Amino acid sequence: NSQIFKVIDTVSSHVGIKGVYAIDRGGDRGKLYDKFLQKGKEKRFVIRLTKTRDLIHKGTRKNCHDLASALPCPYEAIIVKYEDGKERKISITYNVLKVKLPKHDNPLFLVVAKGFGKEPMMLLTSCPVRTRIKETLWRIIEMYLTRWKCDESFRYIKQCYNLEDIRVRSYVSIRNTIVLILAVS
């Protein structure tokens, strides 16, 4: 947590309140929410939830997976996925609920997207969302998907260039090698 907090503080000192922190399921933890939701220092975030997270919806504590599974998703988007050189269209349905975290009074939103896999994708965000305008909901999903694309790009680079198998003697050499590989990719 302390390393993540240092990164958040460093980034915040340079960008202020601009930008949105997009974090995978590893960021679904109480101390991180405490950091993001500090009074007077609130930060915008989109965090993918684990199935075990409890949320407060309409004054009642409920499991996020139960909320997401029962939520009707009337909005739809078609995305194109490329696998083995072939184009495949996937229908993604989505919706949103106003929620809060236990121990926090900050208004948050649970954005649910169905169609990426067997289980619904659950995103908790502090970003303002107009619940009846589907474009603002999709924008939250796109923020998370952008993080996902970055992750996949680094995974691709590590595999194609055997990045974890490089032998150098110093941090500067590692840094310079990675810069060259990123430029090539």
N, C-alpha and C. Protein backbone atom coordinates (compact mmCIF):
# COMPACT_ATOMS: atom_id res chain seq x y z
N ASN A 1 0.81 -1.20 0.00
CA ASN A 1 0.00 0.00 0.00
C ASN A 1 0.86 1.27 0.00
N SER A 2 1.95 1.26 0.76
CA SER A 2 2.77 2.46 0.85
C SER A 2 3.36 2.84 -0.51
N GLN A 3 3.76 1.85 -1.31
CA GLN A 3 4.29 2.14 -2.64
C GLN A 3 3.21 2.72 -3.55
N ILE A 4 2.01 2.18 -3.49
CA ILE A 4 0.90 2.70 -4.29
C ILE A 4 0.58 4.13 -3.86
N PHE A 5 0.58 4.37 -2.54
CA PHE A 5 0.31 5.72 -2.05
C PHE A 5 1.35 6.72 -2.53
N LYS A 6 2.62 6.31 -2.57
CA LYS A 6 3.68 7.19 -3.08
C LYS A 6 3.43 7.55 -4.54
N VAL A 7 3.03 6.56 -5.33
CA VAL A 7 2.74 6.82 -6.75
C VAL A 7 1.57 7.79 -6.87
N ILE A 8 0.50 7.54 -6.12
CA ILE A 8 -0.68 8.42 -6.17
C ILE A 8 -0.29 9.84 -5.79
N ASP A 9 0.49 9.99 -4.71
CA ASP A 9 0.91 11.33 -4.27
C ASP A 9 1.79 12.01 -5.30
N THR A 10 2.70 11.26 -5.92
CA THR A 10 3.59 11.83 -6.93
C THR A 10 2.80 12.30 -8.15
N VAL A 11 1.91 11.43 -8.63
CA VAL A 11 1.10 11.80 -9.80
C VAL A 11 0.21 12.99 -9.45
N SER A 12 -0.44 12.96 -8.30
CA SER A 12 -1.33 14.06 -7.89
C SER A 12 -0.59 15.38 -7.76
N SER A 13 0.66 15.34 -7.31
CA SER A 13 1.42 16.58 -7.17
C SER A 13 1.69 17.23 -8.52
N HIS A 14 1.72 16.44 -9.58
CA HIS A 14 1.98 16.98 -10.92
C HIS A 14 0.71 17.30 -11.70
N VAL A 15 -0.35 16.51 -11.53
CA VAL A 15 -1.56 16.71 -12.35
C VAL A 15 -2.73 17.29 -11.57
N GLY A 16 -2.59 17.38 -10.26
CA GLY A 16 -3.68 17.92 -9.45
C GLY A 16 -4.89 17.02 -9.49
N ILE A 17 -6.04 17.60 -9.82
CA ILE A 17 -7.28 16.82 -9.86
C ILE A 17 -7.63 16.34 -11.27
N LYS A 18 -6.74 16.58 -12.22
CA LYS A 18 -6.98 16.12 -13.58
C LYS A 18 -6.78 14.62 -13.66
N GLY A 19 -7.44 13.98 -14.58
CA GLY A 19 -7.24 12.57 -14.81
C GLY A 19 -8.07 11.69 -13.90
N VAL A 20 -8.05 10.39 -14.23
CA VAL A 20 -8.81 9.38 -13.48
C VAL A 20 -7.89 8.19 -13.26
N TYR A 21 -7.82 7.72 -12.04
CA TYR A 21 -7.02 6.53 -11.72
C TYR A 21 -7.85 5.30 -12.10
N ALA A 22 -7.35 4.49 -13.02
CA ALA A 22 -8.03 3.25 -13.45
C ALA A 22 -7.21 2.07 -12.94
N ILE A 23 -7.83 1.24 -12.10
CA ILE A 23 -7.10 0.17 -11.43
C ILE A 23 -7.87 -1.14 -11.54
N ASP A 24 -7.13 -2.23 -11.69
CA ASP A 24 -7.72 -3.56 -11.79
C ASP A 24 -8.17 -4.04 -10.40
N ARG A 25 -8.63 -5.28 -10.33
CA ARG A 25 -9.18 -5.85 -9.09
C ARG A 25 -8.24 -5.77 -7.91
N GLY A 26 -6.93 -5.73 -8.15
CA GLY A 26 -5.98 -5.61 -7.05
C GLY A 26 -6.14 -4.31 -6.28
N GLY A 27 -6.80 -3.32 -6.87
CA GLY A 27 -7.03 -2.04 -6.21
C GLY A 27 -8.29 -2.01 -5.38
N ASP A 28 -9.05 -3.10 -5.38
CA ASP A 28 -10.29 -3.17 -4.61
C ASP A 28 -9.96 -3.51 -3.16
N ARG A 29 -9.47 -2.47 -2.43
CA ARG A 29 -9.10 -2.67 -1.03
C ARG A 29 -9.40 -1.41 -0.23
N GLY A 30 -9.74 -1.62 1.01
CA GLY A 30 -10.19 -0.54 1.88
C GLY A 30 -9.23 0.61 2.01
N LYS A 31 -7.95 0.35 2.20
CA LYS A 31 -6.98 1.43 2.41
C LYS A 31 -6.86 2.32 1.17
N LEU A 32 -7.00 1.73 -0.01
CA LEU A 32 -6.94 2.52 -1.23
C LEU A 32 -8.17 3.42 -1.35
N TYR A 33 -9.33 2.88 -1.00
CA TYR A 33 -10.54 3.71 -1.00
C TYR A 33 -10.41 4.85 0.01
N ASP A 34 -9.84 4.54 1.18
CA ASP A 34 -9.63 5.59 2.18
C ASP A 34 -8.77 6.72 1.60
N LYS A 35 -7.73 6.36 0.85
CA LYS A 35 -6.84 7.35 0.23
C LYS A 35 -7.57 8.18 -0.82
N PHE A 36 -8.33 7.50 -1.68
CA PHE A 36 -9.03 8.21 -2.76
C PHE A 36 -10.18 9.08 -2.26
N LEU A 37 -10.76 8.72 -1.13
CA LEU A 37 -11.96 9.41 -0.65
C LEU A 37 -11.70 10.31 0.55
N GLN A 38 -10.42 10.67 0.80
CA GLN A 38 -10.08 11.57 1.90
C GLN A 38 -10.79 12.90 1.74
N LYS A 39 -11.38 13.40 2.81
CA LYS A 39 -12.07 14.69 2.79
C LYS A 39 -11.15 15.79 2.30
N GLY A 40 -11.59 16.53 1.30
CA GLY A 40 -10.81 17.63 0.75
C GLY A 40 -9.73 17.21 -0.23
N LYS A 41 -9.46 15.91 -0.34
CA LYS A 41 -8.42 15.41 -1.25
C LYS A 41 -8.96 14.29 -2.13
N GLU A 42 -10.28 14.32 -2.38
CA GLU A 42 -10.90 13.26 -3.17
C GLU A 42 -10.28 13.18 -4.56
N LYS A 43 -10.16 11.97 -5.04
CA LYS A 43 -9.61 11.73 -6.38
C LYS A 43 -10.61 10.91 -7.18
N ARG A 44 -10.62 11.14 -8.49
CA ARG A 44 -11.51 10.37 -9.36
C ARG A 44 -10.86 9.03 -9.68
N PHE A 45 -11.66 7.97 -9.63
CA PHE A 45 -11.14 6.64 -9.89
C PHE A 45 -12.18 5.76 -10.55
N VAL A 46 -11.68 4.72 -11.22
CA VAL A 46 -12.48 3.61 -11.72
C VAL A 46 -11.73 2.36 -11.30
N ILE A 47 -12.34 1.56 -10.44
CA ILE A 47 -11.69 0.36 -9.92
C ILE A 47 -12.59 -0.84 -10.21
N ARG A 48 -11.99 -1.88 -10.78
CA ARG A 48 -12.75 -3.11 -11.03
C ARG A 48 -12.89 -3.86 -9.70
N LEU A 49 -14.11 -4.26 -9.40
CA LEU A 49 -14.39 -4.90 -8.12
C LEU A 49 -14.21 -6.41 -8.16
N THR A 50 -13.86 -6.96 -7.00
CA THR A 50 -13.89 -8.41 -6.83
C THR A 50 -15.32 -8.79 -6.43
N LYS A 51 -15.61 -10.07 -6.50
CA LYS A 51 -16.97 -10.54 -6.19
C LYS A 51 -17.33 -10.40 -4.71
N THR A 52 -16.35 -10.16 -3.86
CA THR A 52 -16.61 -10.16 -2.42
C THR A 52 -16.90 -8.78 -1.85
N ARG A 53 -16.84 -7.74 -2.65
CA ARG A 53 -17.03 -6.37 -2.16
C ARG A 53 -18.49 -6.11 -1.79
N ASP A 54 -18.72 -5.58 -0.61
CA ASP A 54 -20.06 -5.16 -0.19
C ASP A 54 -20.20 -3.67 -0.45
N LEU A 55 -21.40 -3.27 -0.87
CA LEU A 55 -21.72 -1.87 -1.14
C LEU A 55 -23.03 -1.53 -0.44
N ILE A 56 -23.27 -0.26 -0.26
CA ILE A 56 -24.54 0.21 0.30
C ILE A 56 -25.38 0.73 -0.87
N HIS A 57 -26.54 0.10 -1.08
CA HIS A 57 -27.46 0.51 -2.14
C HIS A 57 -28.83 0.73 -1.50
N LYS A 58 -29.34 1.95 -1.62
CA LYS A 58 -30.63 2.33 -1.03
C LYS A 58 -30.66 2.01 0.47
N GLY A 59 -29.56 2.32 1.15
CA GLY A 59 -29.49 2.16 2.59
C GLY A 59 -29.25 0.74 3.08
N THR A 60 -29.13 -0.22 2.18
CA THR A 60 -28.94 -1.62 2.57
C THR A 60 -27.59 -2.12 2.08
N ARG A 61 -26.90 -2.85 2.94
CA ARG A 61 -25.61 -3.43 2.57
C ARG A 61 -25.85 -4.69 1.74
N LYS A 62 -25.24 -4.72 0.53
CA LYS A 62 -25.43 -5.85 -0.37
C LYS A 62 -24.11 -6.19 -1.06
N ASN A 63 -23.95 -7.43 -1.46
CA ASN A 63 -22.78 -7.87 -2.20
C ASN A 63 -22.85 -7.31 -3.63
N CYS A 64 -21.73 -6.81 -4.13
CA CYS A 64 -21.71 -6.18 -5.46
C CYS A 64 -22.04 -7.18 -6.57
N HIS A 65 -21.61 -8.43 -6.42
CA HIS A 65 -21.90 -9.44 -7.44
C HIS A 65 -23.39 -9.74 -7.51
N ASP A 66 -24.04 -9.79 -6.35
CA ASP A 66 -25.49 -10.00 -6.32
C ASP A 66 -26.21 -8.82 -6.97
N LEU A 67 -25.76 -7.60 -6.67
CA LEU A 67 -26.35 -6.41 -7.30
C LEU A 67 -26.17 -6.45 -8.81
N ALA A 68 -24.96 -6.76 -9.25
CA ALA A 68 -24.65 -6.77 -10.69
C ALA A 68 -25.42 -7.86 -11.43
N SER A 69 -25.52 -9.02 -10.84
CA SER A 69 -26.21 -10.14 -11.49
C SER A 69 -27.69 -9.85 -11.67
N ALA A 70 -28.29 -9.16 -10.70
CA ALA A 70 -29.73 -8.88 -10.76
C ALA A 70 -30.07 -7.62 -11.56
N LEU A 71 -29.07 -6.81 -11.87
CA LEU A 71 -29.31 -5.54 -12.54
C LEU A 71 -29.64 -5.73 -14.02
N PRO A 72 -30.79 -5.25 -14.47
CA PRO A 72 -31.06 -5.30 -15.91
C PRO A 72 -30.14 -4.30 -16.62
N CYS A 73 -29.66 -4.68 -17.79
CA CYS A 73 -28.73 -3.83 -18.54
C CYS A 73 -29.35 -3.47 -19.89
N PRO A 74 -30.08 -2.36 -19.95
CA PRO A 74 -30.78 -2.00 -21.17
C PRO A 74 -29.91 -1.35 -22.25
N TYR A 75 -28.76 -0.82 -21.87
CA TYR A 75 -27.91 -0.15 -22.84
C TYR A 75 -26.99 -1.18 -23.50
N GLU A 76 -26.70 -0.94 -24.80
CA GLU A 76 -25.91 -1.92 -25.53
C GLU A 76 -24.86 -1.23 -26.40
N ALA A 77 -23.72 -1.88 -26.50
CA ALA A 77 -22.65 -1.44 -27.40
C ALA A 77 -22.09 -2.68 -28.07
N ILE A 78 -21.67 -2.52 -29.30
CA ILE A 78 -21.04 -3.61 -30.05
C ILE A 78 -19.56 -3.29 -30.15
N ILE A 79 -18.73 -4.21 -29.71
CA ILE A 79 -17.29 -4.03 -29.88
C ILE A 79 -16.77 -5.11 -30.81
N VAL A 80 -15.68 -4.81 -31.48
CA VAL A 80 -15.08 -5.75 -32.42
C VAL A 80 -13.79 -6.28 -31.79
N LYS A 81 -13.68 -7.59 -31.75
CA LYS A 81 -12.50 -8.24 -31.19
C LYS A 81 -11.83 -9.02 -32.30
N TYR A 82 -10.50 -8.92 -32.39
CA TYR A 82 -9.75 -9.64 -33.41
C TYR A 82 -9.04 -10.82 -32.77
N GLU A 83 -9.34 -12.02 -33.25
CA GLU A 83 -8.70 -13.24 -32.77
C GLU A 83 -8.26 -14.05 -33.97
N ASP A 84 -6.99 -14.42 -34.00
CA ASP A 84 -6.44 -15.21 -35.10
C ASP A 84 -6.73 -14.58 -36.47
N GLY A 85 -6.64 -13.26 -36.53
CA GLY A 85 -6.84 -12.54 -37.78
C GLY A 85 -8.29 -12.43 -38.21
N LYS A 86 -9.22 -12.89 -37.39
CA LYS A 86 -10.65 -12.82 -37.73
C LYS A 86 -11.35 -11.82 -36.83
N GLU A 87 -12.32 -11.16 -37.42
CA GLU A 87 -13.10 -10.16 -36.72
C GLU A 87 -14.32 -10.82 -36.06
N ARG A 88 -14.52 -10.51 -34.77
CA ARG A 88 -15.68 -11.06 -34.08
C ARG A 88 -16.38 -9.93 -33.34
N LYS A 89 -17.68 -9.81 -33.53
CA LYS A 89 -18.44 -8.76 -32.87
C LYS A 89 -19.01 -9.30 -31.56
N ILE A 90 -18.87 -8.50 -30.52
CA ILE A 90 -19.37 -8.88 -29.19
C ILE A 90 -20.35 -7.82 -28.72
N SER A 91 -21.49 -8.27 -28.24
CA SER A 91 -22.50 -7.38 -27.70
C SER A 91 -22.27 -7.20 -26.20
N ILE A 92 -22.10 -5.96 -25.79
CA ILE A 92 -21.90 -5.63 -24.38
C ILE A 92 -23.12 -4.84 -23.92
N THR A 93 -23.76 -5.32 -22.86
CA THR A 93 -24.86 -4.57 -22.26
C THR A 93 -24.38 -3.99 -20.95
N TYR A 94 -24.95 -2.85 -20.56
CA TYR A 94 -24.44 -2.19 -19.36
C TYR A 94 -25.49 -1.31 -18.71
N ASN A 95 -25.24 -0.99 -17.43
CA ASN A 95 -26.12 -0.13 -16.66
C ASN A 95 -25.35 0.38 -15.44
N VAL A 96 -26.01 1.16 -14.58
CA VAL A 96 -25.34 1.77 -13.44
C VAL A 96 -26.29 1.82 -12.24
N LEU A 97 -25.70 1.79 -11.04
CA LEU A 97 -26.43 1.98 -9.80
C LEU A 97 -25.70 2.99 -8.94
N LYS A 98 -26.46 3.83 -8.21
CA LYS A 98 -25.84 4.72 -7.22
C LYS A 98 -25.59 3.89 -5.97
N VAL A 99 -24.37 3.97 -5.46
CA VAL A 99 -23.99 3.19 -4.28
C VAL A 99 -23.07 4.00 -3.39
N LYS A 100 -22.74 3.43 -2.25
CA LYS A 100 -21.72 3.97 -1.35
C LYS A 100 -20.92 2.80 -0.82
N LEU A 101 -19.74 3.09 -0.33
CA LEU A 101 -18.94 2.08 0.36
C LEU A 101 -19.31 2.11 1.84
N PRO A 102 -19.31 0.96 2.50
CA PRO A 102 -19.47 0.99 3.96
C PRO A 102 -18.34 1.85 4.55
N LYS A 103 -18.64 2.61 5.57
CA LYS A 103 -17.69 3.49 6.27
C LYS A 103 -17.36 4.77 5.48
N HIS A 104 -17.99 4.98 4.32
CA HIS A 104 -17.77 6.21 3.54
C HIS A 104 -19.12 6.79 3.12
N ASP A 105 -19.20 8.12 3.15
CA ASP A 105 -20.45 8.77 2.74
C ASP A 105 -20.39 9.31 1.33
N ASN A 106 -19.26 9.15 0.66
CA ASN A 106 -19.11 9.69 -0.69
C ASN A 106 -20.04 8.97 -1.66
N PRO A 107 -20.75 9.72 -2.49
CA PRO A 107 -21.60 9.07 -3.51
C PRO A 107 -20.72 8.44 -4.60
N LEU A 108 -20.97 7.18 -4.89
CA LEU A 108 -20.23 6.45 -5.91
C LEU A 108 -21.21 5.78 -6.86
N PHE A 109 -20.66 5.22 -7.94
CA PHE A 109 -21.49 4.52 -8.92
C PHE A 109 -20.91 3.15 -9.21
N LEU A 110 -21.78 2.16 -9.27
CA LEU A 110 -21.41 0.82 -9.69
C LEU A 110 -21.83 0.68 -11.15
N VAL A 111 -20.86 0.62 -12.05
CA VAL A 111 -21.13 0.44 -13.48
C VAL A 111 -20.94 -1.04 -13.78
N VAL A 112 -21.99 -1.65 -14.35
CA VAL A 112 -21.99 -3.09 -14.63
C VAL A 112 -22.00 -3.29 -16.13
N ALA A 113 -21.08 -4.11 -16.63
CA ALA A 113 -21.03 -4.45 -18.06
C ALA A 113 -21.10 -5.97 -18.18
N LYS A 114 -22.02 -6.43 -19.01
CA LYS A 114 -22.19 -7.87 -19.22
C LYS A 114 -21.87 -8.20 -20.67
N GLY A 115 -21.13 -9.29 -20.87
CA GLY A 115 -20.78 -9.72 -22.23
C GLY A 115 -19.29 -9.92 -22.45
N PHE A 116 -18.46 -9.42 -21.54
CA PHE A 116 -17.02 -9.61 -21.66
C PHE A 116 -16.61 -11.03 -21.27
N GLY A 117 -17.39 -11.64 -20.44
CA GLY A 117 -17.11 -13.00 -19.97
C GLY A 117 -18.36 -13.58 -19.34
N LYS A 118 -18.20 -14.67 -18.63
CA LYS A 118 -19.35 -15.31 -17.99
C LYS A 118 -19.93 -14.46 -16.87
N GLU A 119 -19.06 -13.79 -16.13
CA GLU A 119 -19.49 -12.96 -15.00
C GLU A 119 -19.54 -11.49 -15.43
N PRO A 120 -20.43 -10.72 -14.82
CA PRO A 120 -20.47 -9.29 -15.15
C PRO A 120 -19.21 -8.57 -14.68
N MET A 121 -18.78 -7.59 -15.45
CA MET A 121 -17.65 -6.76 -15.04
C MET A 121 -18.23 -5.63 -14.19
N MET A 122 -17.69 -5.47 -12.98
CA MET A 122 -18.22 -4.49 -12.03
C MET A 122 -17.16 -3.42 -11.78
N LEU A 123 -17.50 -2.19 -12.10
CA LEU A 123 -16.58 -1.07 -11.94
C LEU A 123 -17.15 -0.09 -10.93
N LEU A 124 -16.37 0.26 -9.93
CA LEU A 124 -16.78 1.26 -8.95
C LEU A 124 -16.08 2.56 -9.32
N THR A 125 -16.85 3.64 -9.40
CA THR A 125 -16.25 4.91 -9.80
C THR A 125 -16.75 6.07 -8.95
N SER A 126 -15.86 7.03 -8.78
CA SER A 126 -16.21 8.28 -8.11
C SER A 126 -16.49 9.38 -9.14
N CYS A 127 -16.33 9.06 -10.41
CA CYS A 127 -16.58 10.03 -11.47
C CYS A 127 -18.07 10.33 -11.55
N PRO A 128 -18.43 11.57 -11.83
CA PRO A 128 -19.85 11.89 -11.97
C PRO A 128 -20.44 11.16 -13.18
N VAL A 129 -21.59 10.55 -12.97
CA VAL A 129 -22.25 9.79 -14.02
C VAL A 129 -23.70 10.23 -14.10
N ARG A 130 -24.14 10.56 -15.29
CA ARG A 130 -25.57 10.83 -15.50
C ARG A 130 -26.22 9.49 -15.80
N THR A 131 -26.98 9.01 -14.84
CA THR A 131 -27.46 7.63 -14.89
C THR A 131 -28.40 7.34 -16.05
N ARG A 132 -29.00 8.34 -16.63
CA ARG A 132 -29.94 8.10 -17.73
C ARG A 132 -29.33 8.36 -19.11
N ILE A 133 -28.06 8.75 -19.14
CA ILE A 133 -27.41 9.03 -20.42
C ILE A 133 -26.35 7.95 -20.65
N LYS A 134 -26.62 7.07 -21.61
CA LYS A 134 -25.78 5.90 -21.79
C LYS A 134 -24.34 6.23 -22.18
N GLU A 135 -24.12 7.36 -22.83
CA GLU A 135 -22.76 7.73 -23.23
C GLU A 135 -21.86 7.98 -22.03
N THR A 136 -22.42 8.56 -20.95
CA THR A 136 -21.59 8.80 -19.76
C THR A 136 -21.24 7.47 -19.07
N LEU A 137 -22.14 6.50 -19.16
CA LEU A 137 -21.85 5.17 -18.61
C LEU A 137 -20.76 4.49 -19.43
N TRP A 138 -20.89 4.57 -20.74
CA TRP A 138 -19.91 3.91 -21.61
C TRP A 138 -18.53 4.54 -21.44
N ARG A 139 -18.49 5.85 -21.16
CA ARG A 139 -17.20 6.52 -20.96
C ARG A 139 -16.45 5.91 -19.77
N ILE A 140 -17.16 5.53 -18.72
CA ILE A 140 -16.53 4.89 -17.56
C ILE A 140 -15.95 3.54 -17.97
N ILE A 141 -16.71 2.78 -18.74
CA ILE A 141 -16.23 1.47 -19.22
C ILE A 141 -15.00 1.66 -20.10
N GLU A 142 -15.02 2.67 -20.96
CA GLU A 142 -13.86 2.94 -21.83
C GLU A 142 -12.62 3.30 -21.03
N MET A 143 -12.79 4.02 -19.93
CA MET A 143 -11.63 4.36 -19.08
C MET A 143 -10.97 3.09 -18.58
N TYR A 144 -11.78 2.14 -18.12
CA TYR A 144 -11.22 0.89 -17.64
C TYR A 144 -10.61 0.09 -18.79
N LEU A 145 -11.29 0.05 -19.93
CA LEU A 145 -10.78 -0.71 -21.07
C LEU A 145 -9.44 -0.15 -21.57
N THR A 146 -9.24 1.15 -21.44
CA THR A 146 -7.96 1.75 -21.83
C THR A 146 -6.85 1.20 -20.95
N ARG A 147 -7.10 1.08 -19.65
CA ARG A 147 -6.14 0.47 -18.75
C ARG A 147 -5.87 -0.98 -19.16
N TRP A 148 -6.91 -1.67 -19.55
CA TRP A 148 -6.81 -3.06 -19.99
C TRP A 148 -5.93 -3.17 -21.24
N LYS A 149 -6.13 -2.24 -22.19
CA LYS A 149 -5.32 -2.24 -23.41
C LYS A 149 -3.84 -2.03 -23.09
N CYS A 150 -3.55 -1.13 -22.15
CA CYS A 150 -2.16 -0.90 -21.75
C CYS A 150 -1.55 -2.17 -21.17
N ASP A 151 -2.32 -2.85 -20.33
CA ASP A 151 -1.87 -4.11 -19.72
C ASP A 151 -1.55 -5.15 -20.79
N GLU A 152 -2.44 -5.28 -21.76
CA GLU A 152 -2.23 -6.26 -22.82
C GLU A 152 -1.04 -5.89 -23.70
N SER A 153 -0.83 -4.61 -23.92
CA SER A 153 0.32 -4.17 -24.71
C SER A 153 1.62 -4.56 -24.02
N PHE A 154 1.71 -4.33 -22.71
CA PHE A 154 2.93 -4.70 -21.98
C PHE A 154 3.11 -6.21 -21.96
N ARG A 155 2.02 -6.96 -21.83
CA ARG A 155 2.11 -8.43 -21.85
C ARG A 155 2.64 -8.90 -23.21
N TYR A 156 2.15 -8.28 -24.28
CA TYR A 156 2.59 -8.62 -25.64
C TYR A 156 4.09 -8.33 -25.79
N ILE A 157 4.51 -7.16 -25.34
CA ILE A 157 5.92 -6.76 -25.44
C ILE A 157 6.80 -7.73 -24.65
N LYS A 158 6.38 -8.07 -23.44
CA LYS A 158 7.18 -8.99 -22.61
C LYS A 158 7.34 -10.34 -23.28
N GLN A 159 6.27 -10.83 -23.94
CA GLN A 159 6.32 -12.15 -24.57
C GLN A 159 7.13 -12.11 -25.87
N CYS A 160 6.86 -11.13 -26.72
CA CYS A 160 7.51 -11.07 -28.03
C CYS A 160 9.01 -10.80 -27.95
N TYR A 161 9.42 -9.99 -27.00
CA TYR A 161 10.81 -9.60 -26.91
C TYR A 161 11.54 -10.27 -25.74
N ASN A 162 10.92 -11.27 -25.13
CA ASN A 162 11.50 -11.96 -23.98
C ASN A 162 12.07 -10.96 -22.97
N LEU A 163 11.30 -9.96 -22.67
CA LEU A 163 11.75 -8.85 -21.83
C LEU A 163 12.21 -9.30 -20.45
N GLU A 164 11.58 -10.34 -19.90
CA GLU A 164 11.96 -10.79 -18.57
C GLU A 164 13.24 -11.63 -18.58
N ASP A 165 13.77 -11.90 -19.76
CA ASP A 165 14.95 -12.73 -19.88
C ASP A 165 16.20 -11.91 -20.24
N ILE A 166 16.11 -10.60 -20.17
CA ILE A 166 17.23 -9.73 -20.52
C ILE A 166 18.21 -9.68 -19.35
N ARG A 167 19.50 -9.78 -19.65
CA ARG A 167 20.54 -9.76 -18.62
C ARG A 167 21.37 -8.49 -18.76
N VAL A 168 21.24 -7.61 -17.79
CA VAL A 168 22.05 -6.39 -17.74
C VAL A 168 22.51 -6.19 -16.29
N ARG A 169 23.43 -5.25 -16.09
CA ARG A 169 24.04 -5.10 -14.77
C ARG A 169 23.51 -3.93 -13.94
N SER A 170 22.76 -3.03 -14.54
CA SER A 170 22.34 -1.87 -13.75
C SER A 170 20.91 -1.46 -14.11
N TYR A 171 20.34 -0.66 -13.22
CA TYR A 171 19.00 -0.14 -13.46
C TYR A 171 18.97 0.73 -14.71
N VAL A 172 19.99 1.54 -14.91
CA VAL A 172 20.05 2.42 -16.09
C VAL A 172 20.04 1.58 -17.37
N SER A 173 20.76 0.46 -17.37
CA SER A 173 20.77 -0.44 -18.54
C SER A 173 19.39 -1.03 -18.79
N ILE A 174 18.72 -1.44 -17.73
CA ILE A 174 17.36 -1.97 -17.87
C ILE A 174 16.45 -0.90 -18.46
N ARG A 175 16.52 0.29 -17.88
CA ARG A 175 15.68 1.40 -18.35
C ARG A 175 15.93 1.70 -19.82
N ASN A 176 17.18 1.78 -20.22
CA ASN A 176 17.51 2.08 -21.62
C ASN A 176 17.06 0.98 -22.57
N THR A 177 17.21 -0.26 -22.15
CA THR A 177 16.77 -1.40 -22.98
C THR A 177 15.26 -1.36 -23.17
N ILE A 178 14.54 -1.09 -22.09
CA ILE A 178 13.07 -1.05 -22.18
C ILE A 178 12.62 0.09 -23.07
N VAL A 179 13.28 1.25 -22.97
CA VAL A 179 12.93 2.38 -23.84
C VAL A 179 13.08 2.00 -25.31
N LEU A 180 14.19 1.33 -25.65
CA LEU A 180 14.41 0.90 -27.04
C LEU A 180 13.33 -0.11 -27.48
N ILE A 181 13.02 -1.07 -26.62
CA ILE A 181 12.00 -2.08 -26.97
C ILE A 181 10.63 -1.42 -27.15
N LEU A 182 10.29 -0.48 -26.28
CA LEU A 182 9.01 0.23 -26.43
C LEU A 182 8.96 1.02 -27.74
N ALA A 183 10.07 1.65 -28.09
CA ALA A 183 10.13 2.40 -29.35
C ALA A 183 9.96 1.48 -30.55
N VAL A 184 10.58 0.31 -30.52
CA VAL A 184 10.47 -0.66 -31.60
C VAL A 184 9.04 -1.20 -31.71
N SER A 185 8.46 -1.50 -30.55
CA SER A 185 7.11 -2.10 -30.59
C SER A 185 6.08 -1.09 -31.03
